[in-house]
């Protein structure tokens, strides 16, 4: 399941993420998989993309947003494509997250068997996916 958020904050600006659009239009062309509008604070993603493709398109649009917020008005699309691909890979493969996880999110991950349970010394008590049974 894709973990693309409903909103993202970049340089203090909130962007609404609109997924599953029938089409994404830039100018008169409706043949895009994604777009961002820094004036409106929106990122749009077209419907029908596979999970990894949608995540990669989201990362591509994030690169545009970051460049906009850094004051770059002109974006070399080839560079944005390359940076988006690398950004997606680094974040996904390393499961990077720098914010605070909410306690209920952590609890849900434990119950769903998505994470290992470790003691303070780092010793694994329960391995992710090994718990079976019902939770009341």
Protein backbone atom coordinates (compact mmCIF):
# COMPACT_ATOMS: atom_id res chain seq x y z
CA UNK A 1 0.00 0.00 0.00
CA UNK A 2 1.33 3.37 -1.00
CA UNK A 3 2.37 5.68 1.80
CA UNK A 4 1.91 8.92 -0.10
CA UNK A 5 0.53 11.48 2.36
CA UNK A 6 -2.58 13.62 1.86
CA UNK A 7 -0.44 16.68 2.47
CA UNK A 8 3.23 17.53 2.68
CA UNK A 9 5.05 20.56 4.10
CA UNK A 10 8.01 21.93 2.13
CA UNK A 11 9.96 24.94 3.42
CA UNK A 12 7.06 25.78 5.73
CA UNK A 13 4.45 25.67 2.96
CA UNK A 14 1.66 23.08 3.09
CA UNK A 15 0.86 21.27 -0.16
CA UNK A 16 -2.34 19.29 -0.59
CA UNK A 17 -1.74 16.00 -2.42
CA UNK A 18 -4.62 15.12 -4.76
CA UNK A 19 -4.44 11.52 -5.96
CA UNK A 20 -6.43 9.54 -8.52
CA UNK A 21 -7.19 12.47 -10.81
CA UNK A 22 -8.87 11.49 -14.07
CA UNK A 23 -6.23 13.55 -15.85
CA UNK A 24 -3.50 16.00 -14.93
CA UNK A 25 -3.39 19.11 -17.06
CA UNK A 26 -0.55 21.56 -17.59
CA UNK A 27 -1.52 24.33 -19.98
CA UNK A 28 -3.66 22.76 -22.69
CA UNK A 29 -1.97 19.33 -22.42
CA UNK A 30 -3.78 16.67 -20.34
CA UNK A 31 -1.16 13.96 -20.86
CA UNK A 32 0.75 14.17 -17.57
CA UNK A 33 1.15 11.73 -14.67
CA UNK A 34 1.64 14.49 -12.11
CA UNK A 35 2.04 18.21 -11.56
CA UNK A 36 2.60 20.73 -8.81
CA UNK A 37 1.40 24.28 -8.42
CA UNK A 38 3.38 26.19 -5.83
CA UNK A 39 1.04 29.18 -6.07
CA UNK A 40 -1.94 27.05 -5.05
CA UNK A 41 0.01 24.64 -2.82
CA UNK A 42 -1.13 21.49 -4.61
CA UNK A 43 0.42 18.32 -6.03
CA UNK A 44 -1.77 16.27 -8.37
CA UNK A 45 -1.26 12.63 -9.34
CA UNK A 46 -3.18 10.88 -12.11
CA UNK A 47 -5.22 7.72 -11.43
CA UNK A 48 -4.18 4.29 -12.67
CA UNK A 49 -0.51 4.29 -11.72
CA UNK A 50 1.12 1.32 -10.06
CA UNK A 51 2.23 1.86 -6.47
CA UNK A 52 5.94 2.33 -7.18
CA UNK A 53 5.26 4.47 -10.23
CA UNK A 54 2.89 6.70 -8.25
CA UNK A 55 5.51 7.06 -5.50
CA UNK A 56 8.17 7.94 -8.08
CA UNK A 57 5.91 10.53 -9.73
CA UNK A 58 5.22 11.99 -6.26
CA UNK A 59 8.99 12.19 -5.61
CA UNK A 60 9.44 13.90 -9.00
CA UNK A 61 6.82 16.50 -8.09
CA UNK A 62 8.46 16.96 -4.68
CA UNK A 63 11.71 17.86 -6.45
CA UNK A 64 9.83 20.55 -8.42
CA UNK A 65 8.29 21.85 -5.18
CA UNK A 66 11.68 21.91 -3.42
CA UNK A 67 13.24 23.80 -6.33
CA UNK A 68 10.33 26.28 -6.32
CA UNK A 69 10.66 26.85 -2.59
CA UNK A 70 14.45 27.26 -2.93
CA UNK A 71 13.83 30.09 -5.40
CA UNK A 72 14.59 28.31 -8.68
CA UNK A 73 12.04 29.38 -11.28
CA UNK A 74 13.50 27.36 -14.16
CA UNK A 75 13.72 23.57 -13.75
CA UNK A 76 15.76 21.34 -16.03
CA UNK A 77 13.27 18.48 -16.51
CA UNK A 78 16.01 15.91 -17.09
CA UNK A 79 17.64 16.86 -13.78
CA UNK A 80 14.26 16.76 -12.00
CA UNK A 81 13.60 13.28 -13.45
CA UNK A 82 16.96 11.98 -12.28
CA UNK A 83 16.70 13.53 -8.80
CA UNK A 84 13.11 12.26 -8.40
CA UNK A 85 14.17 8.70 -9.21
CA UNK A 86 17.09 8.84 -6.77
CA UNK A 87 15.01 10.55 -4.04
CA UNK A 88 12.33 7.86 -4.33
CA UNK A 89 14.91 5.06 -4.14
CA UNK A 90 16.79 6.51 -1.16
CA UNK A 91 13.65 7.23 0.89
CA UNK A 92 11.97 3.91 0.12
CA UNK A 93 14.93 1.54 0.33
CA UNK A 94 16.17 3.06 3.58
CA UNK A 95 12.69 3.58 5.08
CA UNK A 96 13.77 7.09 6.02
CA UNK A 97 11.54 9.13 8.26
CA UNK A 98 12.82 11.98 10.39
CA UNK A 99 9.62 13.02 12.18
CA UNK A 100 8.15 11.66 15.37
CA UNK A 101 5.96 8.59 15.00
CA UNK A 102 2.79 8.76 16.96
CA UNK A 103 2.46 6.12 19.67
CA UNK A 104 -0.70 4.70 18.08
CA UNK A 105 1.09 4.37 14.71
CA UNK A 106 3.92 2.43 16.37
CA UNK A 107 1.41 0.21 18.18
CA UNK A 108 -0.42 -0.50 14.91
CA UNK A 109 2.85 -1.49 13.22
CA UNK A 110 3.63 -3.90 16.06
CA UNK A 111 0.15 -5.45 15.94
CA UNK A 112 0.31 -5.78 12.15
CA UNK A 113 3.70 -7.50 12.40
CA UNK A 114 5.47 -4.83 10.36
CA UNK A 115 8.33 -4.15 12.78
CA UNK A 116 10.59 -6.10 15.12
CA UNK A 117 10.12 -5.69 18.83
CA UNK A 118 13.47 -5.07 20.52
CA UNK A 119 14.75 -4.66 24.04
CA UNK A 120 16.67 -1.54 25.03
CA UNK A 121 19.94 -3.43 24.44
CA UNK A 122 18.91 -4.04 20.80
CA UNK A 123 18.12 -7.75 21.18
CA UNK A 124 15.12 -8.76 19.04
CA UNK A 125 12.30 -10.27 21.08
CA UNK A 126 9.75 -10.74 18.27
CA UNK A 127 10.63 -10.68 14.57
CA UNK A 128 8.37 -8.74 12.18
CA UNK A 129 5.78 -11.02 10.64
CA UNK A 130 6.27 -13.83 13.17
CA UNK A 131 3.30 -12.96 15.38
CA UNK A 132 0.16 -14.87 14.57
CA UNK A 133 -3.17 -14.79 16.32
CA UNK A 134 -5.95 -12.40 17.06
CA UNK A 135 -5.73 -9.17 19.00
CA UNK A 136 -8.65 -8.23 21.21
